[in-house]
Amino acid sequence: MKQRLKRLLSVVALALLALPAWALSLDEAKDSGLVGERNNGYLGIVVDNPGADVRSLVADINRKRKAAYQDSARSAGVDLQVIEARIGQRLQNKAKPGHYIESGNGGWRRK
């Protein structure tokens, strides 16, 4: 019984260690058409019913982007919205063909 419990705990530990390998990457999400670059420098979800992994990925990246944008705005002495707009334009310009970008009317289009 004790050995069986040890074996079960080992399998669970290995499975938990492998979870990050199963996580959706930003490139995979963009290549799959799940997310795209918005005009304001943040990621947006393109699909109607995203999975929890997509929502989590977007929230995590947008949280990190906002922190970086706030630092840049403080350093440059400009409003956050100025940085967001500039970086949003750059990210859309750098988007690969086939990836989604937000259009001027708030919809999505493939680049």
C-alpha atoms as a PDB file:
ATOM      1  CA  MET A   1       0.000   0.000   0.000  1.00  0.00           C
ATOM      2  CA  LYS A   2       2.771   2.438   0.897  1.00  0.00           C
ATOM      3  CA  GLN A   3       4.614   1.695  -2.353  1.00  0.00           C
ATOM      4  CA  ARG A   4       1.441   2.186  -4.370  1.00  0.00           C
ATOM      5  CA  LEU A   5       0.949   5.613  -2.749  1.00  0.00           C
ATOM      6  CA  LYS A   6       4.559   6.559  -3.522  1.00  0.00           C
ATOM      7  CA  ARG A   7       4.099   5.535  -7.150  1.00  0.00           C
ATOM      8  CA  LEU A   8       0.868   7.533  -7.415  1.00  0.00           C
ATOM      9  CA  LEU A   9       2.504  10.608  -5.909  1.00  0.00           C
ATOM     10  CA  SER A  10       5.414  10.262  -8.342  1.00  0.00           C
ATOM     11  CA  VAL A  11       3.045  10.135 -11.300  1.00  0.00           C
ATOM     12  CA  VAL A  12       1.131  13.171 -10.032  1.00  0.00           C
ATOM     13  CA  ALA A  13       4.379  15.098  -9.476  1.00  0.00           C
ATOM     14  CA  LEU A  14       5.582  14.301 -13.003  1.00  0.00           C
ATOM     15  CA  ALA A  15       2.249  15.366 -14.445  1.00  0.00           C
ATOM     16  CA  LEU A  16       2.402  18.691 -12.596  1.00  0.00           C
ATOM     17  CA  LEU A  17       5.932  19.305 -13.818  1.00  0.00           C
ATOM     18  CA  ALA A  18       4.810  18.674 -17.392  1.00  0.00           C
ATOM     19  CA  LEU A  19       1.905  21.163 -17.231  1.00  0.00           C
ATOM     20  CA  PRO A  20       3.956  24.169 -18.377  1.00  0.00           C
ATOM     21  CA  ALA A  21       4.938  22.198 -21.483  1.00  0.00           C
ATOM     22  CA  TRP A  22       1.241  21.856 -22.342  1.00  0.00           C
ATOM     23  CA  ALA A  23       0.526  25.544 -21.871  1.00  0.00           C
ATOM     24  CA  LEU A  24      -0.439  27.523 -24.933  1.00  0.00           C
ATOM     25  CA  SER A  25       2.274  29.874 -26.178  1.00  0.00           C
ATOM     26  CA  LEU A  26       1.629  33.316 -27.643  1.00  0.00           C
ATOM     27  CA  ASP A  27       2.948  32.253 -31.044  1.00  0.00           C
ATOM     28  CA  GLU A  28       0.678  29.196 -31.069  1.00  0.00           C
ATOM     29  CA  ALA A  29      -2.314  31.324 -30.123  1.00  0.00           C
ATOM     30  CA  LYS A  30      -1.553  33.844 -32.883  1.00  0.00           C
ATOM     31  CA  ASP A  31      -0.823  31.163 -35.467  1.00  0.00           C
ATOM     32  CA  SER A  32      -4.126  29.464 -34.601  1.00  0.00           C
ATOM     33  CA  GLY A  33      -6.079  32.717 -34.967  1.00  0.00           C
ATOM     34  CA  LEU A  34      -7.162  32.731 -31.331  1.00  0.00           C
ATOM     35  CA  VAL A  35      -5.673  36.118 -30.401  1.00  0.00           C
ATOM     36  CA  GLY A  36      -4.547  39.245 -32.162  1.00  0.00           C
ATOM     37  CA  GLU A  37      -2.899  42.598 -31.599  1.00  0.00           C
ATOM     38  CA  ARG A  38      -5.240  45.419 -30.654  1.00  0.00           C
ATOM     39  CA  ASN A  39      -4.727  49.099 -31.547  1.00  0.00           C
ATOM     40  CA  ASN A  40      -3.984  49.941 -27.918  1.00  0.00           C
ATOM     41  CA  GLY A  41      -0.931  47.698 -27.524  1.00  0.00           C
ATOM     42  CA  TYR A  42      -2.692  44.835 -25.810  1.00  0.00           C
ATOM     43  CA  LEU A  43      -3.711  41.389 -26.953  1.00  0.00           C
ATOM     44  CA  GLY A  44      -7.322  40.710 -27.788  1.00  0.00           C
ATOM     45  CA  ILE A  45      -9.234  37.468 -28.085  1.00  0.00           C
ATOM     46  CA  VAL A  46     -10.452  36.881 -31.623  1.00  0.00           C
ATOM     47  CA  VAL A  47     -12.629  33.779 -31.154  1.00  0.00           C
ATOM     48  CA  ASP A  48     -16.089  33.821 -29.593  1.00  0.00           C
ATOM     49  CA  ASN A  49     -15.638  31.056 -27.022  1.00  0.00           C
ATOM     50  CA  PRO A  50     -11.995  30.962 -25.946  1.00  0.00           C
ATOM     51  CA  GLY A  51     -10.751  28.293 -23.612  1.00  0.00           C
ATOM     52  CA  ALA A  52      -9.475  29.077 -20.160  1.00  0.00           C
ATOM     53  CA  ASP A  53      -5.910  28.705 -21.445  1.00  0.00           C
ATOM     54  CA  VAL A  54      -6.457  31.473 -24.011  1.00  0.00           C
ATOM     55  CA  ARG A  55      -8.075  33.798 -21.480  1.00  0.00           C
ATOM     56  CA  SER A  56      -5.269  33.140 -19.008  1.00  0.00           C
ATOM     57  CA  LEU A  57      -2.567  33.726 -21.623  1.00  0.00           C
ATOM     58  CA  VAL A  58      -4.090  37.037 -22.723  1.00  0.00           C
ATOM     59  CA  ALA A  59      -4.594  38.245 -19.154  1.00  0.00           C
ATOM     60  CA  ASP A  60      -1.026  37.350 -18.169  1.00  0.00           C
ATOM     61  CA  ILE A  61       0.581  38.994 -21.200  1.00  0.00           C
ATOM     62  CA  ASN A  62      -1.605  42.098 -20.957  1.00  0.00           C
ATOM     63  CA  ARG A  63      -0.770  42.474 -17.264  1.00  0.00           C
ATOM     64  CA  LYS A  64       2.970  42.328 -18.078  1.00  0.00           C
ATOM     65  CA  ARG A  65       2.588  44.701 -21.012  1.00  0.00           C
ATOM     66  CA  LYS A  66       0.697  47.239 -18.910  1.00  0.00           C
ATOM     67  CA  ALA A  67       3.430  47.230 -16.262  1.00  0.00           C
ATOM     68  CA  ALA A  68       6.088  47.778 -18.943  1.00  0.00           C
ATOM     69  CA  TYR A  69       4.026  50.513 -20.622  1.00  0.00           C
ATOM     70  CA  GLN A  70       3.552  52.304 -17.299  1.00  0.00           C
ATOM     71  CA  ASP A  71       7.310  52.243 -16.694  1.00  0.00           C
ATOM     72  CA  SER A  72       7.953  53.604 -20.197  1.00  0.00           C
ATOM     73  CA  ALA A  73       5.347  56.337 -19.788  1.00  0.00           C
ATOM     74  CA  ARG A  74       6.840  57.428 -16.466  1.00  0.00           C
ATOM     75  CA  SER A  75      10.370  57.443 -17.921  1.00  0.00           C
ATOM     76  CA  ALA A  76       9.269  59.418 -20.991  1.00  0.00           C
ATOM     77  CA  GLY A  77       7.020  61.764 -19.008  1.00  0.00           C
ATOM     78  CA  VAL A  78       3.982  61.057 -21.200  1.00  0.00           C
ATOM     79  CA  ASP A  79       0.508  59.661 -20.612  1.00  0.00           C
ATOM     80  CA  LEU A  80       0.093  55.896 -20.620  1.00  0.00           C
ATOM     81  CA  GLN A  81      -2.282  56.149 -23.608  1.00  0.00           C
ATOM     82  CA  VAL A  82       0.493  57.654 -25.748  1.00  0.00           C
ATOM     83  CA  ILE A  83       2.762  54.674 -25.101  1.00  0.00           C
ATOM     84  CA  GLU A  84      -0.090  52.209 -25.622  1.00  0.00           C
ATOM     85  CA  ALA A  85      -0.996  53.729 -28.994  1.00  0.00           C
ATOM     86  CA  ARG A  86       2.610  53.855 -30.219  1.00  0.00           C
ATOM     87  CA  ILE A  87       3.394  50.308 -29.206  1.00  0.00           C
ATOM     88  CA  GLY A  88       0.045  49.093 -30.510  1.00  0.00           C
ATOM     89  CA  GLN A  89       0.904  50.468 -33.929  1.00  0.00           C
ATOM     90  CA  ARG A  90       4.372  48.889 -33.826  1.00  0.00           C
ATOM     91  CA  LEU A  91       3.025  45.506 -32.776  1.00  0.00           C
ATOM     92  CA  GLN A  92       0.450  45.572 -35.552  1.00  0.00           C
ATOM     93  CA  ASN A  93       3.113  46.544 -38.092  1.00  0.00           C
ATOM     94  CA  LYS A  94       5.316  43.680 -36.904  1.00  0.00           C
ATOM     95  CA  ALA A  95       2.496  41.122 -36.970  1.00  0.00           C
ATOM     96  CA  LYS A  96       3.121  38.216 -39.321  1.00  0.00           C
ATOM     97  CA  PRO A  97       0.978  37.742 -42.410  1.00  0.00           C
ATOM     98  CA  GLY A  98      -2.069  35.713 -41.450  1.00  0.00           C
ATOM     99  CA  HIS A  99      -2.145  36.947 -37.874  1.00  0.00           C
ATOM    100  CA  TYR A 100      -5.093  38.998 -36.669  1.00  0.00           C
ATOM    101  CA  ILE A 101      -4.894  42.705 -35.963  1.00  0.00           C
ATOM    102  CA  GLU A 102      -7.635  45.026 -34.795  1.00  0.00           C
ATOM    103  CA  SER A 103      -9.022  47.226 -37.538  1.00  0.00           C
ATOM    104  CA  GLY A 104      -9.963  50.871 -37.116  1.00  0.00           C
ATOM    105  CA  ASN A 105     -13.613  50.005 -36.456  1.00  0.00           C
ATOM    106  CA  GLY A 106     -12.761  47.580 -33.627  1.00  0.00           C
ATOM    107  CA  GLY A 107     -13.215  44.421 -35.680  1.00  0.00           C
ATOM    108  CA  TRP A 108     -10.543  41.880 -36.538  1.00  0.00           C
ATOM    109  CA  ARG A 109      -8.809  41.346 -39.859  1.00  0.00           C
ATOM    110  CA  ARG A 110      -6.027  39.097 -41.016  1.00  0.00           C
ATOM    111  CA  LYS A 111      -2.867  40.880 -41.919  1.00  0.00           C
END
